[in-house]
C-alpha atoms as a PDB file:
ATOM      1  CA  UNK A   1      -3.732 -34.455  -6.853  1.00  0.00           C
ATOM      2  CA  UNK A   2      -1.928 -34.245 -10.168  1.00  0.00           C
ATOM      3  CA  UNK A   3      -2.079 -30.490 -10.674  1.00  0.00           C
ATOM      4  CA  UNK A   4      -0.531 -29.530  -7.346  1.00  0.00           C
ATOM      5  CA  UNK A   5       1.349 -26.512  -8.740  1.00  0.00           C
ATOM      6  CA  UNK A   6      -1.820 -24.601  -9.575  1.00  0.00           C
ATOM      7  CA  UNK A   7      -3.360 -25.430  -6.200  1.00  0.00           C
ATOM      8  CA  UNK A   8      -0.229 -24.382  -4.331  1.00  0.00           C
ATOM      9  CA  UNK A   9       0.066 -21.085  -6.185  1.00  0.00           C
ATOM     10  CA  UNK A  10      -3.644 -20.372  -5.628  1.00  0.00           C
ATOM     11  CA  UNK A  11      -3.313 -21.018  -1.885  1.00  0.00           C
ATOM     12  CA  UNK A  12      -0.207 -18.827  -1.706  1.00  0.00           C
ATOM     13  CA  UNK A  13      -1.994 -16.024  -3.556  1.00  0.00           C
ATOM     14  CA  UNK A  14      -5.034 -16.379  -1.293  1.00  0.00           C
ATOM     15  CA  UNK A  15      -2.855 -16.089   1.798  1.00  0.00           C
ATOM     16  CA  UNK A  16      -1.136 -13.003   0.407  1.00  0.00           C
ATOM     17  CA  UNK A  17      -4.546 -11.540  -0.375  1.00  0.00           C
ATOM     18  CA  UNK A  18      -5.651 -12.146   3.202  1.00  0.00           C
ATOM     19  CA  UNK A  19      -2.556 -10.369   4.493  1.00  0.00           C
ATOM     20  CA  UNK A  20      -3.255  -7.425   2.179  1.00  0.00           C
ATOM     21  CA  UNK A  21      -6.918  -7.219   3.205  1.00  0.00           C
ATOM     22  CA  UNK A  22      -6.158  -7.350   6.946  1.00  0.00           C
ATOM     23  CA  UNK A  23      -2.824  -5.555   7.428  1.00  0.00           C
ATOM     24  CA  UNK A  24      -3.501  -4.695  11.064  1.00  0.00           C
ATOM     25  CA  UNK A  25      -2.844  -8.328  12.065  1.00  0.00           C
ATOM     26  CA  UNK A  26       0.626  -8.429  10.463  1.00  0.00           C
ATOM     27  CA  UNK A  27       3.808  -6.407  10.703  1.00  0.00           C
ATOM     28  CA  UNK A  28       4.449  -3.837   7.946  1.00  0.00           C
ATOM     29  CA  UNK A  29       7.303  -5.747   6.323  1.00  0.00           C
ATOM     30  CA  UNK A  30       5.102  -8.842   5.937  1.00  0.00           C
ATOM     31  CA  UNK A  31       2.425  -6.708   4.268  1.00  0.00           C
ATOM     32  CA  UNK A  32       5.024  -5.360   1.819  1.00  0.00           C
ATOM     33  CA  UNK A  33       6.231  -8.856   0.975  1.00  0.00           C
ATOM     34  CA  UNK A  34       2.628 -10.051   0.564  1.00  0.00           C
ATOM     35  CA  UNK A  35       2.049  -7.409  -2.110  1.00  0.00           C
ATOM     36  CA  UNK A  36       4.880  -8.809  -4.205  1.00  0.00           C
ATOM     37  CA  UNK A  37       3.880 -12.357  -3.333  1.00  0.00           C
ATOM     38  CA  UNK A  38       0.328 -11.825  -4.548  1.00  0.00           C
ATOM     39  CA  UNK A  39       1.567 -10.485  -7.855  1.00  0.00           C
ATOM     40  CA  UNK A  40       4.010 -13.371  -8.237  1.00  0.00           C
ATOM     41  CA  UNK A  41       1.353 -15.894  -7.252  1.00  0.00           C
ATOM     42  CA  UNK A  42      -1.027 -14.651  -9.922  1.00  0.00           C
ATOM     43  CA  UNK A  43       1.723 -14.843 -12.532  1.00  0.00           C
ATOM     44  CA  UNK A  44       2.670 -18.385 -11.501  1.00  0.00           C
ATOM     45  CA  UNK A  45      -0.998 -19.408 -11.441  1.00  0.00           C
ATOM     46  CA  UNK A  46      -1.417 -18.151 -14.983  1.00  0.00           C
ATOM     47  CA  UNK A  47       1.685 -19.957 -16.186  1.00  0.00           C
ATOM     48  CA  UNK A  48       0.790 -23.244 -14.529  1.00  0.00           C
ATOM     49  CA  UNK A  49      -2.874 -23.175 -15.523  1.00  0.00           C
ATOM     50  CA  UNK A  50      -2.188 -23.639 -19.213  1.00  0.00           C
ATOM     51  CA  UNK A  51      -3.548 -26.836 -20.651  1.00  0.00           C
ATOM     52  CA  UNK A  52      -0.821 -29.453 -20.339  1.00  0.00           C
ATOM     53  CA  UNK A  53      -3.148 -32.253 -21.390  1.00  0.00           C
ATOM     54  CA  UNK A  54      -4.960 -31.290 -24.595  1.00  0.00           C
ATOM     55  CA  UNK A  55      -6.360 -34.839 -24.834  1.00  0.00           C
ATOM     56  CA  UNK A  56      -8.956 -33.829 -22.231  1.00  0.00           C
ATOM     57  CA  UNK A  57     -10.524 -31.510 -24.788  1.00  0.00           C
ATOM     58  CA  UNK A  58     -11.394 -34.487 -27.009  1.00  0.00           C
ATOM     59  CA  UNK A  59     -13.651 -36.121 -24.421  1.00  0.00           C
ATOM     60  CA  UNK A  60     -17.305 -36.756 -25.402  1.00  0.00           C
ATOM     61  CA  UNK A  61     -18.692 -34.411 -22.737  1.00  0.00           C
ATOM     62  CA  UNK A  62     -16.714 -31.478 -24.183  1.00  0.00           C
ATOM     63  CA  UNK A  63     -18.295 -31.746 -27.619  1.00  0.00           C
ATOM     64  CA  UNK A  64     -21.492 -30.032 -28.674  1.00  0.00           C
ATOM     65  CA  UNK A  65     -24.327 -32.289 -29.849  1.00  0.00           C
ATOM     66  CA  UNK A  66     -24.086 -31.116 -33.459  1.00  0.00           C
ATOM     67  CA  UNK A  67     -20.348 -31.736 -33.765  1.00  0.00           C
END
């Protein structure tokens, strides 16, 4: 797995989302931290999801037939 940072931030954000959707299973301070963690996870996901390998855009399957 080469792009582990995006996967890790997505899993972290998903866990924080689960905590926020089901707060009765967690203590109140964990729910508060999960709110900030979800926001931070989305920001990190957006930063890490930028295209670090633009050469992938030049592949034959990414071109339209008339190009």
